[in-house]
Each structure stands twice: as structure tokens, then as C-alpha cells.
Amino acid sequence: MQPEHQAFFFDAIRRGDLHDVTKAAELVPELIQAQDAKGYTPLIIAAYNNQPEVVALLLKLGADIDAADSAGNTALMGASFRGYQPVVQQLLDAGADVNRLNMQGAPALTFAATFGQLAIAELLLRRGARTDLRDSRGKSPLDHAVLQENEAMIALMEKYGAKA
């Protein structure tokens, strides 16, 4: 694979250019599973840049839904952190692992709790996100909500059985 093909493909994903993404994937199918220097895959880039149409295409073409970057972050974690509810829904519907942990032991729910993404936290919880998972600092998603003094997030976590 030529570096310029990957650069073109990743740029098209960031722009949400479905035509160019489709064309590049047809010409060089291995681009679907490619990673850049930071380990970002096309799916992670599409999710992080709120490109739901590109996410749908990449999933259809067989992108690894739970592939992680060099820090262990997945597309679901990126979309949860950024607050992209439609993309989170897409990834969950396609079978993303809601309890997958990154290198610091944080699942997507920790990102949602830390960044105040209440609607996304509820989606994750409805899909079985565990409230008892603790990151490398020993903090649960509820602990992160408490640190942020986010009363609505705390109440939501407790509704789903989270305990301090």
C-alpha cells in the first residue's frame, strides 16, 4: 500500500467524502484495516470526526469494530468522548464491545461520565455497560461523575446500580 493512498483515504474520511472513501476502498481494499502512526484506523477516524455515513460504509466493508489505537481507544470510546450520539448508536447496533478497556483500564462509559455525555452514558448503560469497571487509577465511571460534580450523571449511574 502506498503512503499517499492511505493519506488520501484518511483525509477523505475526515471530510466525510463518501465518494472518495468508496472509490479508495474499492481500489485498495486493505485500506479498511490500515492504521496510521498513532494506530488510528479508518473507523476510529470516522467516529472521532462524526462521520456516520462513513462509519456505516466502513462497517459494511468489514472494518474491525473493536480495533484500538496505540492507547487502546476504540471508535466507540472516541464517539463517546466527543458526544456523537448517532455514531455511538451505530457502533452499538453493529456490536461494538461496550465494556472494552483502553490501556488505562477505561471503558467508553468512563469517557461519557468524565465529559458529561449523559445521553451517551444512558445508551451505553442500556447496552450493558458495567458500572463497576475501574481504571488504572482505581476509579469507576461513577467516581468520574462525582469528580465532575455531575449530579444528573451520578443519578443515572445509580439508577443502573452503580455504588460508590
N, C-alpha and C. Protein backbone atom coordinates (compact mmCIF):
# COMPACT_ATOMS: atom_id res chain seq x y z
N MET A 1 0.84 -1.18 0.00
CA MET A 1 0.00 0.00 0.00
C MET A 1 0.89 1.24 0.00
N GLN A 2 0.58 2.14 -0.87
CA GLN A 2 1.34 3.38 -0.99
C GLN A 2 0.92 4.36 0.10
N PRO A 3 1.86 5.04 0.73
CA PRO A 3 1.52 6.02 1.78
C PRO A 3 0.55 7.10 1.30
N GLU A 4 0.68 7.48 0.04
CA GLU A 4 -0.22 8.52 -0.48
C GLU A 4 -1.66 8.02 -0.58
N HIS A 5 -1.85 6.71 -0.82
CA HIS A 5 -3.20 6.14 -0.84
C HIS A 5 -3.84 6.24 0.54
N GLN A 6 -3.05 5.88 1.55
CA GLN A 6 -3.57 5.93 2.92
C GLN A 6 -3.87 7.37 3.31
N ALA A 7 -2.99 8.30 2.99
CA ALA A 7 -3.21 9.70 3.34
C ALA A 7 -4.47 10.24 2.67
N PHE A 8 -4.64 9.92 1.39
CA PHE A 8 -5.85 10.34 0.66
C PHE A 8 -7.09 9.76 1.31
N PHE A 9 -7.05 8.47 1.62
CA PHE A 9 -8.18 7.76 2.22
C PHE A 9 -8.55 8.36 3.58
N PHE A 10 -7.56 8.55 4.44
CA PHE A 10 -7.83 9.08 5.77
C PHE A 10 -8.34 10.52 5.69
N ASP A 11 -7.82 11.32 4.76
CA ASP A 11 -8.32 12.69 4.58
C ASP A 11 -9.77 12.69 4.11
N ALA A 12 -10.10 11.79 3.19
CA ALA A 12 -11.48 11.68 2.70
C ALA A 12 -12.42 11.29 3.83
N ILE A 13 -11.96 10.42 4.72
CA ILE A 13 -12.77 10.02 5.88
C ILE A 13 -13.02 11.23 6.77
N ARG A 14 -12.00 11.97 7.09
CA ARG A 14 -12.14 13.16 7.95
C ARG A 14 -13.13 14.16 7.36
N ARG A 15 -13.10 14.31 6.03
CA ARG A 15 -14.00 15.25 5.35
C ARG A 15 -15.41 14.68 5.19
N GLY A 16 -15.56 13.38 5.38
CA GLY A 16 -16.86 12.75 5.16
C GLY A 16 -17.20 12.61 3.70
N ASP A 17 -16.18 12.52 2.85
CA ASP A 17 -16.38 12.41 1.41
C ASP A 17 -16.64 10.95 1.05
N LEU A 18 -17.90 10.58 1.07
CA LEU A 18 -18.31 9.20 0.85
C LEU A 18 -17.87 8.68 -0.52
N HIS A 19 -17.90 9.53 -1.52
CA HIS A 19 -17.48 9.13 -2.86
C HIS A 19 -16.01 8.73 -2.88
N ASP A 20 -15.15 9.59 -2.34
CA ASP A 20 -13.72 9.30 -2.34
C ASP A 20 -13.37 8.11 -1.44
N VAL A 21 -14.06 7.99 -0.30
CA VAL A 21 -13.82 6.85 0.59
C VAL A 21 -14.18 5.56 -0.13
N THR A 22 -15.33 5.55 -0.79
CA THR A 22 -15.78 4.35 -1.51
C THR A 22 -14.81 3.99 -2.62
N LYS A 23 -14.42 4.99 -3.41
CA LYS A 23 -13.51 4.75 -4.53
C LYS A 23 -12.16 4.20 -4.05
N ALA A 24 -11.60 4.82 -3.01
CA ALA A 24 -10.31 4.37 -2.49
C ALA A 24 -10.40 2.96 -1.93
N ALA A 25 -11.49 2.65 -1.23
CA ALA A 25 -11.67 1.31 -0.65
C ALA A 25 -11.83 0.25 -1.74
N GLU A 26 -12.45 0.62 -2.84
CA GLU A 26 -12.59 -0.32 -3.97
C GLU A 26 -11.24 -0.58 -4.63
N LEU A 27 -10.45 0.47 -4.77
CA LEU A 27 -9.15 0.35 -5.42
C LEU A 27 -8.11 -0.36 -4.55
N VAL A 28 -8.15 -0.08 -3.25
CA VAL A 28 -7.17 -0.64 -2.32
C VAL A 28 -7.92 -1.15 -1.08
N PRO A 29 -8.52 -2.33 -1.15
CA PRO A 29 -9.36 -2.84 -0.06
C PRO A 29 -8.67 -2.93 1.30
N GLU A 30 -7.35 -3.14 1.31
CA GLU A 30 -6.65 -3.27 2.59
C GLU A 30 -6.63 -1.95 3.38
N LEU A 31 -7.03 -0.86 2.75
CA LEU A 31 -7.12 0.41 3.47
C LEU A 31 -8.13 0.34 4.62
N ILE A 32 -9.13 -0.51 4.51
CA ILE A 32 -10.19 -0.62 5.52
C ILE A 32 -9.59 -0.95 6.90
N GLN A 33 -8.52 -1.75 6.93
CA GLN A 33 -7.91 -2.15 8.19
C GLN A 33 -6.59 -1.42 8.48
N ALA A 34 -6.25 -0.43 7.68
CA ALA A 34 -4.98 0.30 7.83
C ALA A 34 -4.96 1.07 9.16
N GLN A 35 -3.75 1.36 9.60
CA GLN A 35 -3.55 2.20 10.79
C GLN A 35 -2.49 3.25 10.49
N ASP A 36 -2.71 4.44 11.06
CA ASP A 36 -1.68 5.47 10.89
C ASP A 36 -0.63 5.31 12.01
N ALA A 37 0.26 6.25 12.12
CA ALA A 37 1.37 6.17 13.08
C ALA A 37 0.89 6.11 14.53
N LYS A 38 -0.28 6.65 14.82
CA LYS A 38 -0.84 6.61 16.18
C LYS A 38 -1.76 5.41 16.39
N GLY A 39 -1.87 4.59 15.35
CA GLY A 39 -2.73 3.42 15.45
C GLY A 39 -4.18 3.68 15.11
N TYR A 40 -4.49 4.89 14.64
CA TYR A 40 -5.87 5.20 14.28
C TYR A 40 -6.26 4.42 13.03
N THR A 41 -7.40 3.77 13.12
CA THR A 41 -7.94 3.06 11.97
C THR A 41 -8.94 3.97 11.26
N PRO A 42 -9.34 3.62 10.04
CA PRO A 42 -10.37 4.42 9.37
C PRO A 42 -11.65 4.56 10.20
N LEU A 43 -12.06 3.48 10.86
CA LEU A 43 -13.29 3.55 11.66
C LEU A 43 -13.12 4.50 12.85
N ILE A 44 -11.99 4.45 13.51
CA ILE A 44 -11.74 5.37 14.63
C ILE A 44 -11.77 6.81 14.13
N ILE A 45 -11.14 7.06 13.01
CA ILE A 45 -11.11 8.42 12.44
C ILE A 45 -12.52 8.89 12.07
N ALA A 46 -13.29 8.01 11.45
CA ALA A 46 -14.66 8.37 11.06
C ALA A 46 -15.51 8.66 12.30
N ALA A 47 -15.39 7.84 13.33
CA ALA A 47 -16.17 8.04 14.55
C ALA A 47 -15.76 9.33 15.26
N TYR A 48 -14.46 9.56 15.35
CA TYR A 48 -13.94 10.73 16.05
C TYR A 48 -14.30 12.03 15.32
N ASN A 49 -14.52 11.94 14.02
CA ASN A 49 -14.85 13.12 13.22
C ASN A 49 -16.34 13.22 12.89
N ASN A 50 -17.16 12.41 13.59
CA ASN A 50 -18.62 12.47 13.45
C ASN A 50 -19.07 12.32 11.99
N GLN A 51 -18.65 11.22 11.40
CA GLN A 51 -18.99 10.92 10.01
C GLN A 51 -19.83 9.63 9.95
N PRO A 52 -21.12 9.70 10.33
CA PRO A 52 -21.94 8.49 10.42
C PRO A 52 -22.10 7.73 9.10
N GLU A 53 -22.15 8.43 7.99
CA GLU A 53 -22.27 7.74 6.69
C GLU A 53 -21.00 6.95 6.39
N VAL A 54 -19.86 7.51 6.72
CA VAL A 54 -18.59 6.83 6.50
C VAL A 54 -18.47 5.65 7.48
N VAL A 55 -18.90 5.84 8.72
CA VAL A 55 -18.91 4.75 9.70
C VAL A 55 -19.72 3.58 9.14
N ALA A 56 -20.91 3.87 8.63
CA ALA A 56 -21.77 2.82 8.07
C ALA A 56 -21.08 2.09 6.92
N LEU A 57 -20.45 2.83 6.03
CA LEU A 57 -19.75 2.23 4.90
C LEU A 57 -18.60 1.34 5.38
N LEU A 58 -17.79 1.85 6.28
CA LEU A 58 -16.65 1.08 6.78
C LEU A 58 -17.09 -0.20 7.47
N LEU A 59 -18.16 -0.12 8.22
CA LEU A 59 -18.68 -1.33 8.88
C LEU A 59 -19.17 -2.33 7.83
N LYS A 60 -19.85 -1.82 6.82
CA LYS A 60 -20.33 -2.69 5.73
C LYS A 60 -19.17 -3.37 5.02
N LEU A 61 -18.06 -2.66 4.90
CA LEU A 61 -16.88 -3.19 4.20
C LEU A 61 -16.00 -4.08 5.09
N GLY A 62 -16.42 -4.26 6.35
CA GLY A 62 -15.71 -5.19 7.22
C GLY A 62 -14.69 -4.60 8.17
N ALA A 63 -14.77 -3.31 8.43
CA ALA A 63 -13.85 -2.71 9.39
C ALA A 63 -13.99 -3.39 10.75
N ASP A 64 -12.87 -3.57 11.42
CA ASP A 64 -12.86 -4.18 12.75
C ASP A 64 -13.45 -3.18 13.74
N ILE A 65 -14.63 -3.48 14.23
CA ILE A 65 -15.37 -2.54 15.08
C ILE A 65 -14.67 -2.24 16.41
N ASP A 66 -13.92 -3.20 16.91
CA ASP A 66 -13.25 -3.01 18.20
C ASP A 66 -11.74 -2.80 18.08
N ALA A 67 -11.27 -2.48 16.88
CA ALA A 67 -9.84 -2.18 16.71
C ALA A 67 -9.50 -0.98 17.59
N ALA A 68 -8.30 -1.00 18.13
CA ALA A 68 -7.88 0.06 19.04
C ALA A 68 -6.64 0.78 18.52
N ASP A 69 -6.52 2.04 18.90
CA ASP A 69 -5.33 2.81 18.55
C ASP A 69 -4.19 2.45 19.51
N SER A 70 -3.10 3.16 19.44
CA SER A 70 -1.93 2.82 20.25
C SER A 70 -2.16 3.02 21.75
N ALA A 71 -3.20 3.76 22.13
CA ALA A 71 -3.56 3.94 23.54
C ALA A 71 -4.66 2.98 23.98
N GLY A 72 -5.10 2.13 23.05
CA GLY A 72 -6.15 1.18 23.36
C GLY A 72 -7.56 1.71 23.18
N ASN A 73 -7.69 2.91 22.63
CA ASN A 73 -9.00 3.51 22.44
C ASN A 73 -9.65 3.01 21.15
N THR A 74 -10.95 2.76 21.23
CA THR A 74 -11.72 2.27 20.09
C THR A 74 -12.59 3.39 19.51
N ALA A 75 -13.24 3.09 18.40
CA ALA A 75 -14.16 4.05 17.79
C ALA A 75 -15.28 4.41 18.77
N LEU A 76 -15.78 3.41 19.51
CA LEU A 76 -16.85 3.68 20.48
C LEU A 76 -16.38 4.64 21.57
N MET A 77 -15.16 4.47 22.04
CA MET A 77 -14.63 5.37 23.06
C MET A 77 -14.50 6.79 22.51
N GLY A 78 -14.01 6.92 21.28
CA GLY A 78 -13.87 8.24 20.67
C GLY A 78 -15.19 8.95 20.49
N ALA A 79 -16.18 8.24 19.99
CA ALA A 79 -17.50 8.84 19.78
C ALA A 79 -18.17 9.17 21.12
N SER A 80 -17.92 8.35 22.14
CA SER A 80 -18.48 8.61 23.47
C SER A 80 -17.88 9.86 24.09
N PHE A 81 -16.58 10.01 23.95
CA PHE A 81 -15.86 11.18 24.47
C PHE A 81 -16.33 12.46 23.77
N ARG A 82 -16.47 12.37 22.45
CA ARG A 82 -16.82 13.55 21.66
C ARG A 82 -18.30 13.91 21.74
N GLY A 83 -19.14 12.96 22.15
CA GLY A 83 -20.57 13.25 22.28
C GLY A 83 -21.37 13.02 21.02
N TYR A 84 -20.91 12.11 20.16
CA TYR A 84 -21.59 11.86 18.89
C TYR A 84 -22.58 10.71 19.04
N GLN A 85 -23.76 11.04 19.55
CA GLN A 85 -24.77 10.03 19.87
C GLN A 85 -25.16 9.15 18.68
N PRO A 86 -25.40 9.69 17.49
CA PRO A 86 -25.76 8.80 16.37
C PRO A 86 -24.67 7.79 16.04
N VAL A 87 -23.41 8.21 16.13
CA VAL A 87 -22.30 7.31 15.85
C VAL A 87 -22.20 6.24 16.94
N VAL A 88 -22.37 6.64 18.20
CA VAL A 88 -22.37 5.67 19.29
C VAL A 88 -23.46 4.64 19.05
N GLN A 89 -24.64 5.11 18.68
CA GLN A 89 -25.76 4.19 18.41
C GLN A 89 -25.42 3.23 17.29
N GLN A 90 -24.84 3.73 16.21
CA GLN A 90 -24.43 2.88 15.08
C GLN A 90 -23.47 1.80 15.54
N LEU A 91 -22.47 2.20 16.29
CA LEU A 91 -21.44 1.25 16.73
C LEU A 91 -22.02 0.20 17.67
N LEU A 92 -22.89 0.63 18.56
CA LEU A 92 -23.55 -0.33 19.46
C LEU A 92 -24.43 -1.29 18.67
N ASP A 93 -25.18 -0.76 17.72
CA ASP A 93 -26.05 -1.61 16.89
C ASP A 93 -25.25 -2.62 16.09
N ALA A 94 -24.03 -2.25 15.74
CA ALA A 94 -23.17 -3.14 14.95
C ALA A 94 -22.37 -4.12 15.82
N GLY A 95 -22.53 -4.00 17.15
CA GLY A 95 -21.91 -4.98 18.03
C GLY A 95 -20.62 -4.56 18.71
N ALA A 96 -20.35 -3.27 18.79
CA ALA A 96 -19.14 -2.82 19.49
C ALA A 96 -19.16 -3.31 20.94
N ASP A 97 -18.00 -3.67 21.44
CA ASP A 97 -17.86 -4.15 22.82
C ASP A 97 -17.98 -2.96 23.77
N VAL A 98 -19.11 -2.88 24.45
CA VAL A 98 -19.40 -1.74 25.32
C VAL A 98 -18.49 -1.72 26.56
N ASN A 99 -17.90 -2.84 26.91
CA ASN A 99 -17.06 -2.90 28.10
C ASN A 99 -15.57 -3.08 27.81
N ARG A 100 -15.20 -2.87 26.58
CA ARG A 100 -13.77 -2.96 26.22
C ARG A 100 -13.00 -1.86 26.96
N LEU A 101 -11.81 -2.19 27.41
CA LEU A 101 -10.99 -1.24 28.18
C LEU A 101 -9.81 -0.76 27.34
N ASN A 102 -9.45 0.52 27.53
CA ASN A 102 -8.24 1.02 26.88
C ASN A 102 -7.02 0.69 27.75
N MET A 103 -5.87 1.19 27.39
CA MET A 103 -4.63 0.87 28.11
C MET A 103 -4.63 1.39 29.55
N GLN A 104 -5.48 2.35 29.85
CA GLN A 104 -5.60 2.86 31.22
C GLN A 104 -6.75 2.20 31.97
N GLY A 105 -7.34 1.20 31.36
CA GLY A 105 -8.43 0.47 32.00
C GLY A 105 -9.78 1.16 31.95
N ALA A 106 -9.93 2.14 31.07
CA ALA A 106 -11.18 2.89 31.00
C ALA A 106 -12.07 2.38 29.86
N PRO A 107 -13.34 2.11 30.15
CA PRO A 107 -14.30 1.77 29.10
C PRO A 107 -14.96 3.04 28.54
N ALA A 108 -15.78 2.88 27.53
CA ALA A 108 -16.48 4.03 26.93
C ALA A 108 -17.31 4.78 27.97
N LEU A 109 -17.89 4.06 28.93
CA LEU A 109 -18.71 4.72 29.95
C LEU A 109 -17.90 5.72 30.77
N THR A 110 -16.66 5.43 31.03
CA THR A 110 -15.81 6.38 31.76
C THR A 110 -15.64 7.67 30.95
N PHE A 111 -15.48 7.54 29.64
CA PHE A 111 -15.37 8.73 28.80
C PHE A 111 -16.66 9.55 28.84
N ALA A 112 -17.79 8.87 28.72
CA ALA A 112 -19.08 9.56 28.76
C ALA A 112 -19.27 10.26 30.11
N ALA A 113 -18.91 9.58 31.20
CA ALA A 113 -19.07 10.16 32.54
C ALA A 113 -18.13 11.35 32.74
N THR A 114 -16.90 11.21 32.32
CA THR A 114 -15.90 12.26 32.51
C THR A 114 -16.24 13.53 31.73
N PHE A 115 -16.80 13.36 30.54
CA PHE A 115 -17.07 14.51 29.69
C PHE A 115 -18.54 14.91 29.65
N GLY A 116 -19.32 14.40 30.60
CA GLY A 116 -20.71 14.84 30.76
C GLY A 116 -21.65 14.47 29.63
N GLN A 117 -21.38 13.37 28.98
CA GLN A 117 -22.21 12.93 27.85
C GLN A 117 -23.34 12.04 28.38
N LEU A 118 -24.36 12.66 28.96
CA LEU A 118 -25.44 11.95 29.66
C LEU A 118 -26.22 11.02 28.74
N ALA A 119 -26.63 11.50 27.58
CA ALA A 119 -27.41 10.66 26.65
C ALA A 119 -26.59 9.45 26.19
N ILE A 120 -25.32 9.66 25.97
CA ILE A 120 -24.45 8.56 25.55
C ILE A 120 -24.26 7.58 26.70
N ALA A 121 -24.08 8.08 27.90
CA ALA A 121 -23.95 7.19 29.06
C ALA A 121 -25.18 6.31 29.17
N GLU A 122 -26.36 6.89 28.97
CA GLU A 122 -27.58 6.09 29.06
C GLU A 122 -27.63 5.03 27.96
N LEU A 123 -27.23 5.39 26.75
CA LEU A 123 -27.17 4.39 25.67
C LEU A 123 -26.24 3.24 26.06
N LEU A 124 -25.07 3.57 26.57
CA LEU A 124 -24.09 2.56 26.96
C LEU A 124 -24.64 1.68 28.08
N LEU A 125 -25.25 2.29 29.06
CA LEU A 125 -25.81 1.54 30.18
C LEU A 125 -26.94 0.61 29.73
N ARG A 126 -27.79 1.10 28.84
CA ARG A 126 -28.86 0.25 28.30
C ARG A 126 -28.31 -0.95 27.54
N ARG A 127 -27.10 -0.80 27.01
CA ARG A 127 -26.46 -1.89 26.25
C ARG A 127 -25.54 -2.74 27.10
N GLY A 128 -25.63 -2.57 28.42
CA GLY A 128 -24.88 -3.45 29.30
C GLY A 128 -23.55 -2.94 29.80
N ALA A 129 -23.30 -1.64 29.68
CA ALA A 129 -22.05 -1.10 30.21
C ALA A 129 -22.00 -1.34 31.71
N ARG A 130 -20.87 -1.85 32.15
CA ARG A 130 -20.69 -2.14 33.56
C ARG A 130 -20.26 -0.89 34.31
N THR A 131 -20.87 -0.69 35.47
CA THR A 131 -20.55 0.48 36.29
C THR A 131 -19.44 0.19 37.29
N ASP A 132 -19.03 -1.07 37.39
CA ASP A 132 -18.04 -1.46 38.39
C ASP A 132 -16.61 -1.55 37.84
N LEU A 133 -16.42 -1.29 36.56
CA LEU A 133 -15.07 -1.35 35.99
C LEU A 133 -14.24 -0.18 36.50
N ARG A 134 -13.03 -0.46 36.92
CA ARG A 134 -12.16 0.58 37.47
C ARG A 134 -10.94 0.76 36.58
N ASP A 135 -10.59 2.01 36.36
CA ASP A 135 -9.42 2.31 35.52
C ASP A 135 -8.13 2.12 36.30
N SER A 136 -7.02 2.44 35.69
CA SER A 136 -5.71 2.22 36.32
C SER A 136 -5.50 3.06 37.57
N ARG A 137 -6.33 4.08 37.76
CA ARG A 137 -6.25 4.90 38.98
C ARG A 137 -7.25 4.42 40.04
N GLY A 138 -7.94 3.31 39.72
CA GLY A 138 -8.90 2.75 40.67
C GLY A 138 -10.26 3.42 40.65
N LYS A 139 -10.51 4.23 39.64
CA LYS A 139 -11.76 4.99 39.56
C LYS A 139 -12.78 4.32 38.64
N SER A 140 -14.02 4.26 39.11
CA SER A 140 -15.13 3.73 38.32
C SER A 140 -15.75 4.89 37.52
N PRO A 141 -16.63 4.57 36.55
CA PRO A 141 -17.34 5.66 35.87
C PRO A 141 -18.09 6.57 36.85
N LEU A 142 -18.68 5.98 37.89
CA LEU A 142 -19.37 6.80 38.90
C LEU A 142 -18.39 7.75 39.59
N ASP A 143 -17.21 7.25 39.93
CA ASP A 143 -16.20 8.11 40.55
C ASP A 143 -15.88 9.31 39.66
N HIS A 144 -15.80 9.07 38.36
CA HIS A 144 -15.51 10.17 37.43
C HIS A 144 -16.66 11.17 37.39
N ALA A 145 -17.89 10.68 37.46
CA ALA A 145 -19.06 11.58 37.50
C ALA A 145 -19.04 12.41 38.78
N VAL A 146 -18.66 11.79 39.89
CA VAL A 146 -18.55 12.51 41.17
C VAL A 146 -17.46 13.58 41.08
N LEU A 147 -16.31 13.24 40.51
CA LEU A 147 -15.24 14.22 40.35
C LEU A 147 -15.68 15.42 39.53
N GLN A 148 -16.57 15.17 38.55
CA GLN A 148 -17.06 16.26 37.70
C GLN A 148 -18.24 17.01 38.34
N GLU A 149 -18.67 16.51 39.50
CA GLU A 149 -19.84 17.07 40.21
C GLU A 149 -21.07 17.11 39.30
N ASN A 150 -21.23 16.06 38.51
CA ASN A 150 -22.34 15.97 37.56
C ASN A 150 -23.47 15.16 38.19
N GLU A 151 -24.38 15.87 38.83
CA GLU A 151 -25.47 15.23 39.58
C GLU A 151 -26.36 14.36 38.70
N ALA A 152 -26.66 14.82 37.49
CA ALA A 152 -27.50 14.03 36.58
C ALA A 152 -26.80 12.72 36.21
N MET A 153 -25.50 12.78 35.97
CA MET A 153 -24.73 11.59 35.62
C MET A 153 -24.67 10.64 36.81
N ILE A 154 -24.47 11.18 37.99
CA ILE A 154 -24.43 10.36 39.20
C ILE A 154 -25.77 9.64 39.37
N ALA A 155 -26.86 10.37 39.23
CA ALA A 155 -28.19 9.76 39.37
C ALA A 155 -28.41 8.67 38.33
N LEU A 156 -27.97 8.91 37.11
CA LEU A 156 -28.12 7.91 36.06
C LEU A 156 -27.33 6.64 36.40
N MET A 157 -26.10 6.81 36.83
CA MET A 157 -25.27 5.66 37.19
C MET A 157 -25.90 4.87 38.34
N GLU A 158 -26.40 5.59 39.32
CA GLU A 158 -27.02 4.92 40.46
C GLU A 158 -28.29 4.19 40.05
N LYS A 159 -29.03 4.75 39.10
CA LYS A 159 -30.24 4.09 38.57
C LYS A 159 -29.88 2.73 37.98
N TYR A 160 -28.68 2.62 37.42
CA TYR A 160 -28.22 1.37 36.82
C TYR A 160 -27.35 0.55 37.77
N GLY A 161 -27.44 0.86 39.07
CA GLY A 161 -26.80 0.03 40.08
C GLY A 161 -25.40 0.41 40.50
N ALA A 162 -24.90 1.53 40.05
CA ALA A 162 -23.55 1.95 40.45
C ALA A 162 -23.55 2.29 41.94
N LYS A 163 -22.46 1.85 42.58
CA LYS A 163 -22.30 2.14 44.01
C LYS A 163 -20.92 2.76 44.22
N ALA A 164 -20.89 3.72 45.14
CA ALA A 164 -19.62 4.41 45.44
C ALA A 164 -18.64 3.49 46.14
